[in-house]
């Protein structure tokens, strides 16, 4: 049986359409600049109506010491009294793709449904900017968010961090930096199918080879670009962290047909063993980012309901 046969039929439809339009998926485009352009074109073709309940503002804020400034997009619920929970948002894309604009619909949805101020960070991408540039950009953005909590209308006691895929790995890396560098304090973290292990030794990392979304070859390539020939430390690949104690309570979800399945389950188990309150969901039939590709599917609706509920509970 092919791994593709295990995919939920409803969420498989857009995946099959993608592979028909782009045989081999995005990783079939060898040039990273062209690959980014193809992803941007695909995302821009999806029409998402403006949400009247959310107001947005783009700002430029200080980057890491001695490095370029970074851009953030701030989302605020309309007509909701401050102070509100804050969610620092890190987009995905395997450390090599993605943007604030590309995940604007997700950040908007979270702002609206959770009733939180969301700050989305535009970190530098690899291979042009290998580790530690992306993680350091995220940490600088988190520090700025915490330092400007009052101005942003954020309750500093209710600051969470959210990210999916590469953004999930960077969520954990940023939380580790915050723990090790004396803050900012985080109330919660939600790494979604996080990219956490550069070793690619798990069973699922060998299983997922022809799905068309983040297959093994693409993951190996992305890690090589992200590490830039250097060994991974815990801030590059959080699975390498020896001590996970002292991290904020966590929510992790991943699909059964996702390359990251086994590394994410193992990481969640290690969080629990370290005394970190951790909620883990493994969704049968879900591939990497299925809830984005098939947003109207019943599976996607269940996934989002669990995430929004967990954020509301954690930040109440």
Protein backbone atom coordinates (compact mmCIF):
# COMPACT_ATOMS: atom_id res chain seq x y z
CA UNK A 1 0.00 0.00 0.00
CA UNK A 2 1.30 3.45 -0.93
CA UNK A 3 1.41 6.04 1.84
CA UNK A 4 -0.80 8.18 -0.40
CA UNK A 5 -3.57 5.58 0.05
CA UNK A 6 -3.63 6.45 3.77
CA UNK A 7 -4.59 10.07 3.15
CA UNK A 8 -8.11 11.17 4.11
CA UNK A 9 -9.99 11.21 0.77
CA UNK A 10 -11.40 14.69 1.27
CA UNK A 11 -8.05 16.36 1.92
CA UNK A 12 -6.39 14.38 -0.86
CA UNK A 13 -8.33 16.19 -3.60
CA UNK A 14 -6.31 19.47 -3.59
CA UNK A 15 -3.07 17.50 -3.18
CA UNK A 16 -3.82 15.50 -6.33
CA UNK A 17 -4.68 18.74 -8.12
CA UNK A 18 -1.34 20.24 -7.04
CA UNK A 19 0.61 17.24 -8.31
CA UNK A 20 -1.29 17.32 -11.58
CA UNK A 21 -0.35 20.97 -12.07
CA UNK A 22 3.17 20.54 -10.68
CA UNK A 23 4.46 16.93 -11.00
CA UNK A 24 6.71 16.09 -8.08
CA UNK A 25 5.39 18.98 -6.00
CA UNK A 26 7.25 22.17 -5.14
CA UNK A 27 10.56 20.40 -4.57
CA UNK A 28 10.63 19.51 -8.26
CA UNK A 29 11.61 23.18 -8.82
CA UNK A 30 15.33 23.07 -8.13
CA UNK A 31 15.97 26.83 -8.08
CA UNK A 32 14.93 28.21 -4.69
CA UNK A 33 14.03 31.65 -6.07
CA UNK A 34 11.73 30.08 -8.68
CA UNK A 35 10.29 27.75 -6.05
CA UNK A 36 9.43 30.69 -3.80
CA UNK A 37 7.81 32.45 -6.73
CA UNK A 38 5.68 29.37 -7.51
CA UNK A 39 4.52 29.12 -3.90
CA UNK A 40 3.71 32.84 -3.79
CA UNK A 41 1.77 32.58 -7.06
CA UNK A 42 -0.23 29.62 -5.76
CA UNK A 43 -1.09 31.37 -2.49
CA UNK A 44 -2.00 34.64 -4.18
CA UNK A 45 -4.48 32.77 -6.40
CA UNK A 46 -6.49 31.82 -3.31
CA UNK A 47 -9.05 34.55 -2.71
CA UNK A 48 -9.54 35.27 0.98
CA UNK A 49 -12.04 38.04 1.80
CA UNK A 50 -10.89 40.74 4.20
CA UNK A 51 -12.02 40.16 7.78
CA UNK A 52 -13.76 43.28 9.12
CA UNK A 53 -13.13 42.10 12.70
CA UNK A 54 -9.34 42.48 12.39
CA UNK A 55 -7.15 45.53 11.80
CA UNK A 56 -3.54 45.15 10.61
CA UNK A 57 -0.41 47.25 10.82
CA UNK A 58 3.07 46.65 9.37
CA UNK A 59 6.03 47.84 11.43
CA UNK A 60 9.83 47.70 11.21
CA UNK A 61 11.49 46.79 14.52
CA UNK A 62 15.07 46.20 15.68
CA UNK A 63 16.61 42.88 14.66
CA UNK A 64 19.32 40.99 16.55
CA UNK A 65 22.23 43.12 17.76
CA UNK A 66 24.36 44.17 14.79
CA UNK A 67 21.92 42.64 12.27
CA UNK A 68 19.28 44.19 9.98
CA UNK A 69 15.91 45.39 11.27
CA UNK A 70 12.99 43.00 10.85
CA UNK A 71 9.41 43.50 9.71
CA UNK A 72 6.38 42.46 11.75
CA UNK A 73 2.68 42.57 10.99
CA UNK A 74 0.42 43.32 13.96
CA UNK A 75 -3.16 42.04 14.03
CA UNK A 76 -5.71 43.40 16.50
CA UNK A 77 -9.36 42.48 17.05
CA UNK A 78 -11.69 45.41 16.38
CA UNK A 79 -13.75 46.78 19.28
CA UNK A 80 -12.25 44.46 21.89
CA UNK A 81 -10.94 46.08 25.05
CA UNK A 82 -7.26 45.74 25.92
CA UNK A 83 -5.27 44.26 27.49
CA UNK A 84 -5.62 41.12 25.40
CA UNK A 85 -3.64 37.91 25.11
CA UNK A 86 -0.68 38.17 22.77
CA UNK A 87 0.42 35.54 20.24
CA UNK A 88 3.84 35.80 18.61
CA UNK A 89 3.39 34.12 15.21
CA UNK A 90 6.14 32.44 13.14
CA UNK A 91 5.33 31.38 9.57
CA UNK A 92 6.35 28.04 8.07
CA UNK A 93 8.18 27.09 4.88
CA UNK A 94 11.00 24.71 5.81
CA UNK A 95 13.32 27.61 6.73
CA UNK A 96 13.62 28.32 2.98
CA UNK A 97 10.13 29.45 1.92
CA UNK A 98 7.18 31.37 3.30
CA UNK A 99 6.36 34.88 4.43
CA UNK A 100 4.13 36.95 6.66
CA UNK A 101 1.94 37.69 3.65
CA UNK A 102 1.62 34.01 2.77
CA UNK A 103 0.26 33.16 6.22
CA UNK A 104 -1.81 36.31 6.58
CA UNK A 105 -5.12 34.33 6.48
CA UNK A 106 -3.99 32.05 9.33
CA UNK A 107 -2.79 34.92 11.52
CA UNK A 108 -6.04 36.78 10.82
CA UNK A 109 -8.13 33.74 11.74
CA UNK A 110 -6.27 33.27 15.03
CA UNK A 111 -6.58 36.97 15.93
CA UNK A 112 -10.32 36.91 15.26
CA UNK A 113 -11.25 33.57 16.81
CA UNK A 114 -9.00 33.74 19.88
CA UNK A 115 -9.49 37.46 20.48
CA UNK A 116 -5.76 38.10 20.72
CA UNK A 117 -3.18 40.55 19.43
CA UNK A 118 -1.05 38.61 16.93
CA UNK A 119 2.46 39.73 15.95
CA UNK A 120 3.78 37.92 12.86
CA UNK A 121 7.52 38.07 12.18
CA UNK A 122 9.32 38.23 8.80
CA UNK A 123 12.53 36.33 9.59
CA UNK A 124 15.44 35.86 7.19
CA UNK A 125 15.39 32.68 5.10
CA UNK A 126 18.00 30.08 4.17
CA UNK A 127 20.09 29.30 2.19
CA UNK A 128 20.95 33.01 1.96
CA UNK A 129 20.75 33.32 5.75
CA UNK A 130 21.50 29.99 7.46
CA UNK A 131 21.16 29.26 11.17
CA UNK A 132 21.24 31.10 13.52
CA UNK A 133 19.79 34.06 11.54
CA UNK A 134 16.14 32.88 11.38
CA UNK A 135 15.99 31.87 15.07
CA UNK A 136 17.74 35.06 16.21
CA UNK A 137 15.29 37.16 14.17
CA UNK A 138 12.38 35.38 15.84
CA UNK A 139 13.85 35.91 19.31
CA UNK A 140 14.45 39.61 18.56
CA UNK A 141 10.82 39.93 17.41
CA UNK A 142 9.56 38.20 20.54
CA UNK A 143 11.62 40.50 22.76
CA UNK A 144 10.28 43.56 20.95
CA UNK A 145 6.72 42.28 21.36
CA UNK A 146 7.16 41.72 25.09
CA UNK A 147 8.88 45.08 25.61
CA UNK A 148 6.05 46.87 23.78
CA UNK A 149 3.23 44.83 25.32
CA UNK A 150 1.47 47.83 26.85
CA UNK A 151 1.63 49.83 23.62
CA UNK A 152 0.31 46.81 21.67
CA UNK A 153 -2.51 46.20 24.14
CA UNK A 154 -1.08 42.86 25.26
CA UNK A 155 -1.28 41.43 28.77
CA UNK A 156 2.36 40.36 29.32
CA UNK A 157 1.19 37.53 31.59
CA UNK A 158 -0.69 36.01 28.62
CA UNK A 159 1.94 35.91 25.87
CA UNK A 160 2.07 32.77 23.72
CA UNK A 161 4.09 31.70 20.69
CA UNK A 162 2.69 29.88 17.64
CA UNK A 163 4.18 28.46 14.45
CA UNK A 164 3.72 25.59 12.01
CA UNK A 165 6.33 23.37 10.31
CA UNK A 166 9.56 25.40 10.21
CA UNK A 167 7.62 27.94 12.25
CA UNK A 168 6.95 25.16 14.76
CA UNK A 169 10.64 24.36 15.06
CA UNK A 170 11.40 28.07 15.41
CA UNK A 171 8.62 28.36 18.02
CA UNK A 172 10.42 25.81 20.20
CA UNK A 173 13.85 27.28 19.44
CA UNK A 174 12.62 30.76 20.41
CA UNK A 175 11.08 29.39 23.61
CA UNK A 176 14.41 27.71 24.44
CA UNK A 177 16.20 31.03 23.86
CA UNK A 178 13.69 32.84 26.08
CA UNK A 179 14.23 30.24 28.81
CA UNK A 180 18.03 30.34 28.53
CA UNK A 181 18.37 34.13 28.17
CA UNK A 182 16.10 35.15 31.02
CA UNK A 183 12.92 35.97 29.14
CA UNK A 184 10.52 37.05 27.88
CA UNK A 185 8.17 34.91 29.93
CA UNK A 186 5.84 32.74 27.83
CA UNK A 187 2.49 31.40 29.01
CA UNK A 188 2.08 28.84 26.23
CA UNK A 189 3.57 27.51 23.00
CA UNK A 190 1.85 25.89 20.03
CA UNK A 191 4.37 24.27 17.68
CA UNK A 192 2.27 22.73 14.87
CA UNK A 193 3.83 19.70 13.12
CA UNK A 194 7.20 21.22 14.05
CA UNK A 195 10.45 20.67 12.11
CA UNK A 196 12.72 19.70 15.01
CA UNK A 197 15.19 16.96 14.03
CA UNK A 198 17.95 17.34 11.42
CA UNK A 199 18.97 13.67 11.63
CA UNK A 200 16.11 12.27 9.52
CA UNK A 201 16.35 8.86 11.18
CA UNK A 202 12.73 8.18 12.17
CA UNK A 203 10.47 5.68 10.42
CA UNK A 204 8.14 8.41 9.15
CA UNK A 205 11.07 10.36 7.70
CA UNK A 206 11.73 7.33 5.46
CA UNK A 207 8.05 6.64 4.71
CA UNK A 208 7.09 10.00 3.23
CA UNK A 209 8.81 10.08 -0.17
CA UNK A 210 6.11 10.71 -2.78
CA UNK A 211 3.30 12.66 -1.12
CA UNK A 212 4.23 15.85 -2.97
CA UNK A 213 4.24 17.97 0.19
CA UNK A 214 7.45 18.00 2.22
CA UNK A 215 8.82 14.63 1.22
CA UNK A 216 12.12 13.20 2.47
CA UNK A 217 14.28 14.64 -0.33
CA UNK A 218 12.91 18.14 0.30
CA UNK A 219 13.49 17.87 4.04
CA UNK A 220 17.10 16.72 3.59
CA UNK A 221 17.72 19.62 1.21
CA UNK A 222 16.11 22.17 3.54
CA UNK A 223 18.14 21.03 6.55
CA UNK A 224 21.36 21.17 4.55
CA UNK A 225 20.57 24.72 3.47
CA UNK A 226 19.47 25.79 6.94
CA UNK A 227 22.56 24.44 8.71
CA UNK A 228 24.95 25.73 6.05
CA UNK A 229 27.45 22.95 6.63
CA UNK A 230 27.62 23.42 10.40
CA UNK A 231 26.48 20.94 13.09
CA UNK A 232 23.03 21.52 14.57
CA UNK A 233 22.67 22.89 18.10
CA UNK A 234 19.46 22.89 20.13
CA UNK A 235 18.36 26.23 18.68
CA UNK A 236 18.63 24.85 15.13
CA UNK A 237 17.17 21.41 15.83
CA UNK A 238 15.29 21.39 19.16
CA UNK A 239 15.33 17.57 19.27
CA UNK A 240 19.01 17.93 20.14
CA UNK A 241 18.22 19.84 23.34
CA UNK A 242 19.36 17.79 26.34
CA UNK A 243 17.10 19.61 28.80
CA UNK A 244 13.49 20.53 27.97
CA UNK A 245 12.46 21.50 31.48
CA UNK A 246 11.28 25.05 32.09
CA UNK A 247 9.56 25.42 28.71
CA UNK A 248 5.99 26.77 28.62
CA UNK A 249 2.98 24.44 28.42
CA UNK A 250 2.67 23.07 24.89
CA UNK A 251 0.18 21.92 22.27
CA UNK A 252 1.50 19.87 19.34
CA UNK A 253 -0.43 18.33 16.45
CA UNK A 254 0.74 16.30 13.45
CA UNK A 255 -0.80 13.98 10.86
CA UNK A 256 -0.19 10.26 10.45
CA UNK A 257 0.95 10.86 6.85
CA UNK A 258 3.43 13.62 7.76
CA UNK A 259 7.20 13.15 7.59
CA UNK A 260 7.47 14.90 10.97
CA UNK A 261 5.06 12.47 12.69
CA UNK A 262 7.57 10.41 14.66
CA UNK A 263 9.96 13.21 15.61
CA UNK A 264 7.01 15.26 16.87
CA UNK A 265 5.53 12.41 18.92
CA UNK A 266 8.97 11.73 20.42
CA UNK A 267 9.47 15.41 21.21
CA UNK A 268 6.06 15.65 22.89
CA UNK A 269 6.92 12.60 25.00
CA UNK A 270 10.20 14.24 26.04
CA UNK A 271 8.35 17.42 27.01
CA UNK A 272 6.01 15.40 29.21
CA UNK A 273 8.94 13.55 30.78
CA UNK A 274 10.55 16.93 31.53
CA UNK A 275 7.43 18.04 33.41
CA UNK A 276 6.10 20.35 30.70
CA UNK A 277 2.26 20.15 30.45
CA UNK A 278 1.78 18.94 26.87
CA UNK A 279 -1.28 18.24 24.71
CA UNK A 280 -0.58 16.04 21.67
CA UNK A 281 -2.93 15.28 18.77
CA UNK A 282 -2.10 12.86 15.94
CA UNK A 283 -4.64 13.18 13.11
CA UNK A 284 -5.32 10.06 11.02
CA UNK A 285 -5.14 10.65 7.28
CA UNK A 286 -3.59 14.11 7.50
CA UNK A 287 -0.51 15.02 5.47
CA UNK A 288 1.74 18.02 6.07
CA UNK A 289 -0.38 21.22 6.09
CA UNK A 290 -3.49 19.36 4.91
CA UNK A 291 -5.70 21.76 6.87
CA UNK A 292 -4.32 24.61 4.75
CA UNK A 293 -4.63 22.89 1.38
CA UNK A 294 -8.11 21.55 2.12
CA UNK A 295 -9.41 24.24 4.46
CA UNK A 296 -13.07 23.32 4.01
CA UNK A 297 -12.62 19.61 4.73
CA UNK A 298 -14.11 18.09 7.87
CA UNK A 299 -10.62 17.04 8.99
CA UNK A 300 -9.38 20.62 8.68
CA UNK A 301 -12.34 21.91 10.68
CA UNK A 302 -11.60 19.42 13.49
CA UNK A 303 -7.91 20.38 13.52
CA UNK A 304 -8.66 24.11 13.76
CA UNK A 305 -11.34 23.64 16.41
CA UNK A 306 -8.83 21.87 18.67
CA UNK A 307 -6.16 24.55 18.15
CA UNK A 308 -8.47 27.50 18.78
CA UNK A 309 -9.93 25.83 21.86
CA UNK A 310 -6.45 25.14 23.25
CA UNK A 311 -5.33 28.74 22.67
CA UNK A 312 -8.46 30.11 24.34
CA UNK A 313 -8.00 27.83 27.36
CA UNK A 314 -4.31 28.62 27.73
CA UNK A 315 -4.79 32.37 27.42
CA UNK A 316 -8.06 32.78 29.33
